Structures are given as C-alpha cells and as structure tokens.
Amino acid sequence: PPPPPTPPPTPNIAWTPPEEEEKNKALPKDDDENPNDSSSDRSAPLPGPPPNPRPKSPPNSPAARDRWARLRLSLTEALHHESLELELVNARLTFEQTKSDAVRCARLQKSLRRDVERLMVDNARMAREEIESKRRAETIRGERDALRTVIHKLLGENAELAGRLDDIRAQRDGARRERRRRMALTESGEV
C-alpha cells in the first residue's frame, strides 16, 4: 500500500497556554518599560512549546525509518565507543595493578633473598659449631678414656699398697706379740 500522504507543514506560530496568557496580561506593556534597561531581552523567545522548524515525517515513512536507523547506529556506535573506553580503563587499571604487584613481588623477592642469605650464613655458622662441638666431644672422650686408664692404674696401685699395708701391719702385730712374749718370759725368769 502507498504510504499515507505527508501532512502540510505546521506554521511556525508560538502557542501560549491560557494560564500564560493571563500572566502576560498582568505584565506591563513594552512601552512602559525603560528603554535604557539592558535587563529586558527583546529577542527572548515567546513562552510555550518550541517552534517546529520542519515537519515531522509519519512514523512509518522511509525518512522516519532512516532517521531511526541513523539514531540506532549512532547509539550503537556510542555504546561501542563507551565499551571500548571502559575496556581501556579496565586494561589500564589491570596494568597498574599488575605493575604494583610486580613492584611488591620484587621487594618481597629482595627481602626473601636477604632472609635466605642470612639463613645460609647461620647454617654455615651452625655447621662450624657442630664440627667444633664434635671435635670437643672427641677430645673430651679421649681425655675421659685417659682418665679412666689412670684411675684403673691408680686403683691397681692402691690395691697393691693396701696389700702391702696389710702385710706391714701383720708383721708389726707379729713383732709386738713376739716382744710381749719375750718380755713375759724375761719377767718370769725363764730366759
């Protein structure tokens, strides 16, 4: 079917609602206004809906469809542009976050390296102390074994001396008994 006929263009006449007309009647006329007053703007638009510069096409006309297609295309392009800008901002934020994480990781790596170096120094010192401790333990064991040998030798000598002391005491006791016996015989006149 052929498109409906285009309505004639609307004349460019400002429409004033009745309330505005009542207000305009109460206002002073232009002749009463001060001509030197720069605050009055004679070129101000009349109140009411804005003038229609060109007639609108019917909703289903090719011009309206073309206008809607252009509007959709411009909106799609604007949304695409906005989406690209958001992606760019997101990428920049991700980059800044990654850069910040990299700096933090580098600092952490330096700190961990210092800790590892300190632990390696401590480990080497503890290994040296362990070797020195083993050396001391070997020396102490040698001295202990030597002392045990000396103690066994002294115990043997002590036992030998104790045996000799017992022999000397037995000889002394025997000599005392013999002397008593002789004294007893001398006193009795038998000798």
Protein backbone atom coordinates (compact mmCIF):
# COMPACT_ATOMS: atom_id res chain seq x y z
CA PRO A 1 0.00 0.00 0.00
CA PRO A 2 1.24 3.51 -0.68
CA PRO A 3 2.45 5.49 2.33
CA PRO A 4 -0.02 7.92 3.85
CA PRO A 5 0.20 11.45 2.50
CA THR A 6 2.51 13.82 4.28
CA PRO A 7 0.53 16.40 6.30
CA PRO A 8 1.08 20.03 5.40
CA PRO A 9 3.79 21.77 7.40
CA THR A 10 2.68 23.34 10.65
CA PRO A 11 3.03 27.13 10.56
CA ASN A 12 5.66 28.50 12.96
CA ILE A 13 3.23 30.03 15.44
CA ALA A 14 4.00 30.02 19.14
CA TRP A 15 1.17 28.55 21.18
CA THR A 16 0.54 30.05 24.57
CA PRO A 17 -1.42 28.19 27.23
CA PRO A 18 -4.33 30.10 28.83
CA GLU A 19 -2.52 30.43 32.17
CA GLU A 20 0.43 32.12 30.46
CA GLU A 21 -1.92 34.49 28.62
CA GLU A 22 -3.40 35.62 31.97
CA LYS A 23 0.10 36.23 33.34
CA ASN A 24 1.11 38.13 30.20
CA LYS A 25 -1.93 40.43 30.54
CA ALA A 26 -0.84 41.34 34.07
CA LEU A 27 2.68 42.25 32.90
CA PRO A 28 3.42 45.89 31.86
CA LYS A 29 3.49 46.69 28.18
CA ASP A 30 6.73 47.19 26.27
CA ASP A 31 6.05 50.94 26.08
CA ASP A 32 6.06 51.18 29.90
CA GLU A 33 9.47 49.52 30.14
CA ASN A 34 12.62 51.58 30.46
CA PRO A 35 14.39 51.70 27.07
CA ASN A 36 17.76 52.08 28.83
CA ASP A 37 17.16 48.90 30.86
CA SER A 38 19.51 46.29 29.42
CA SER A 39 17.97 43.53 31.53
CA SER A 40 14.95 43.26 29.23
CA ASP A 41 15.73 40.97 26.35
CA ARG A 42 13.51 41.78 23.37
CA SER A 43 14.84 38.82 21.41
CA ALA A 44 13.80 36.27 24.05
CA PRO A 45 11.58 33.51 22.66
CA LEU A 46 7.93 33.60 23.39
CA PRO A 47 6.69 31.26 26.10
CA GLY A 48 5.16 27.98 25.04
CA PRO A 49 6.34 24.93 23.16
CA PRO A 50 9.37 25.49 20.88
CA PRO A 51 8.68 26.21 17.23
CA ASN A 52 8.77 23.25 14.86
CA PRO A 53 11.39 24.13 12.20
CA ARG A 54 10.49 21.26 9.88
CA PRO A 55 7.54 18.96 9.63
CA LYS A 56 7.86 15.52 11.19
CA SER A 57 7.61 12.53 8.91
CA PRO A 58 4.95 9.94 9.59
CA PRO A 59 6.15 7.09 11.87
CA ASN A 60 6.30 4.52 9.09
CA SER A 61 7.71 6.73 6.34
CA PRO A 62 11.13 5.91 4.83
CA ALA A 63 12.52 9.16 6.22
CA ALA A 64 11.42 8.23 9.75
CA ARG A 65 12.80 4.72 9.39
CA ASP A 66 16.03 6.17 8.05
CA ARG A 67 16.18 8.63 10.94
CA TRP A 68 15.56 5.81 13.46
CA ALA A 69 18.21 3.66 11.75
CA ARG A 70 20.72 6.53 11.94
CA LEU A 71 19.80 7.10 15.59
CA ARG A 72 20.21 3.38 16.39
CA LEU A 73 23.52 3.32 14.54
CA SER A 74 24.79 6.39 16.38
CA LEU A 75 23.63 4.92 19.70
CA THR A 76 25.30 1.60 18.86
CA GLU A 77 28.49 3.42 17.91
CA ALA A 78 28.32 5.49 21.10
CA LEU A 79 27.78 2.35 23.19
CA HIS A 80 30.61 0.60 21.36
CA HIS A 81 32.86 3.62 21.92
CA GLU A 82 31.86 3.71 25.61
CA SER A 83 32.52 -0.04 25.88
CA LEU A 84 35.96 0.41 24.30
CA GLU A 85 36.72 3.27 26.69
CA LEU A 86 35.65 1.12 29.65
CA GLU A 87 37.80 -1.75 28.39
CA LEU A 88 40.72 0.66 28.02
CA VAL A 89 40.20 1.99 31.56
CA ASN A 90 39.93 -1.59 32.83
CA ALA A 91 43.09 -2.56 30.95
CA ARG A 92 44.91 0.46 32.40
CA LEU A 93 43.73 -0.42 35.90
CA THR A 94 44.79 -4.04 35.37
CA PHE A 95 48.17 -2.85 34.08
CA GLU A 96 48.66 -0.52 37.05
CA GLN A 97 47.61 -3.30 39.44
CA THR A 98 49.98 -5.74 37.71
CA LYS A 99 52.78 -3.17 37.86
CA SER A 100 52.09 -2.57 41.55
CA ASP A 101 52.03 -6.33 42.16
CA ALA A 102 55.33 -6.69 40.27
CA VAL A 103 56.97 -3.98 42.39
CA ARG A 104 55.63 -5.61 45.56
CA CYS A 105 56.85 -9.03 44.40
CA ALA A 106 60.29 -7.57 43.59
CA ARG A 107 60.51 -6.10 47.10
CA LEU A 108 59.35 -9.37 48.60
CA GLN A 109 61.90 -11.25 46.49
CA LYS A 110 64.70 -8.97 47.75
CA SER A 111 63.55 -9.49 51.32
CA LEU A 112 63.38 -13.26 50.82
CA ARG A 113 66.86 -13.26 49.25
CA ARG A 114 68.21 -11.40 52.28
CA ASP A 115 66.49 -13.91 54.56
CA VAL A 116 67.93 -16.83 52.56
CA GLU A 117 71.44 -15.32 52.68
CA ARG A 118 71.12 -14.77 56.43
CA LEU A 119 69.87 -18.33 56.88
CA MET A 120 72.77 -19.66 54.80
CA VAL A 121 75.24 -17.71 56.98
CA ASP A 122 73.51 -19.04 60.11
CA ASN A 123 73.56 -22.56 58.65
CA ALA A 124 77.30 -22.31 57.89
CA ARG A 125 77.96 -20.99 61.41
CA MET A 126 75.91 -23.81 62.94
CA ALA A 127 77.77 -26.35 60.78
CA ARG A 128 81.10 -24.92 62.01
CA GLU A 129 79.83 -25.01 65.59
CA GLU A 130 78.69 -28.60 65.11
CA ILE A 131 82.12 -29.61 63.75
CA GLU A 132 83.79 -27.79 66.66
CA SER A 133 81.41 -29.47 69.09
CA LYS A 134 82.22 -32.89 67.62
CA ARG A 135 85.92 -32.09 67.89
CA ARG A 136 85.47 -31.08 71.52
CA ALA A 137 83.43 -34.20 72.20
CA GLU A 138 86.22 -36.36 70.69
CA THR A 139 88.79 -34.53 72.83
CA ILE A 140 86.63 -34.97 75.94
CA ARG A 141 86.15 -38.67 75.14
CA GLY A 142 89.92 -39.10 74.72
CA GLU A 143 90.60 -37.28 77.99
CA ARG A 144 87.91 -39.37 79.71
CA ASP A 145 89.44 -42.60 78.41
CA ALA A 146 92.88 -41.43 79.54
CA LEU A 147 91.48 -40.57 82.97
CA ARG A 148 89.82 -43.99 83.18
CA THR A 149 93.15 -45.62 82.37
CA VAL A 150 94.87 -43.52 85.05
CA ILE A 151 92.09 -44.33 87.53
CA HIS A 152 92.37 -48.06 86.82
CA LYS A 153 96.14 -47.82 87.23
CA LEU A 154 95.77 -45.86 90.47
CA LEU A 155 93.16 -48.31 91.74
CA GLY A 156 95.56 -51.16 90.98
CA GLU A 157 98.41 -49.36 92.75
CA ASN A 158 96.06 -48.55 95.63
CA ALA A 159 95.09 -52.22 95.96
CA GLU A 160 98.76 -53.19 95.88
CA LEU A 161 99.60 -50.59 98.52
CA ALA A 162 96.65 -51.75 100.63
CA GLY A 163 98.01 -55.33 100.43
CA ARG A 164 101.50 -54.19 101.41
CA LEU A 165 99.99 -52.13 104.23
CA ASP A 166 98.15 -55.22 105.47
CA ASP A 167 101.44 -57.18 105.33
CA ILE A 168 103.27 -54.44 107.23
CA ARG A 169 100.53 -54.34 109.88
CA ALA A 170 100.61 -58.12 110.17
CA GLN A 171 104.42 -58.03 110.58
CA ARG A 172 104.13 -55.26 113.15
CA ASP A 173 101.45 -57.10 115.06
CA GLY A 174 103.59 -60.26 114.94
CA ALA A 175 106.64 -58.34 116.18
CA ARG A 176 104.61 -56.85 119.04
CA ARG A 177 103.34 -60.23 120.06
CA GLU A 178 106.87 -61.66 119.94
CA ARG A 179 108.19 -58.80 122.07
CA ARG A 180 105.44 -59.27 124.64
CA ARG A 181 106.12 -62.93 124.80
CA ARG A 182 109.86 -62.30 125.39
CA MET A 183 109.11 -59.69 127.99
CA ALA A 184 106.81 -62.08 129.75
CA LEU A 185 109.48 -64.78 129.70
CA THR A 186 112.11 -62.34 130.97
CA GLU A 187 109.92 -61.27 133.84
CA SER A 188 109.20 -64.86 134.80
CA GLY A 189 112.95 -65.61 134.73
CA GLU A 190 112.82 -68.26 132.15
CA VAL A 191 115.31 -66.53 129.87
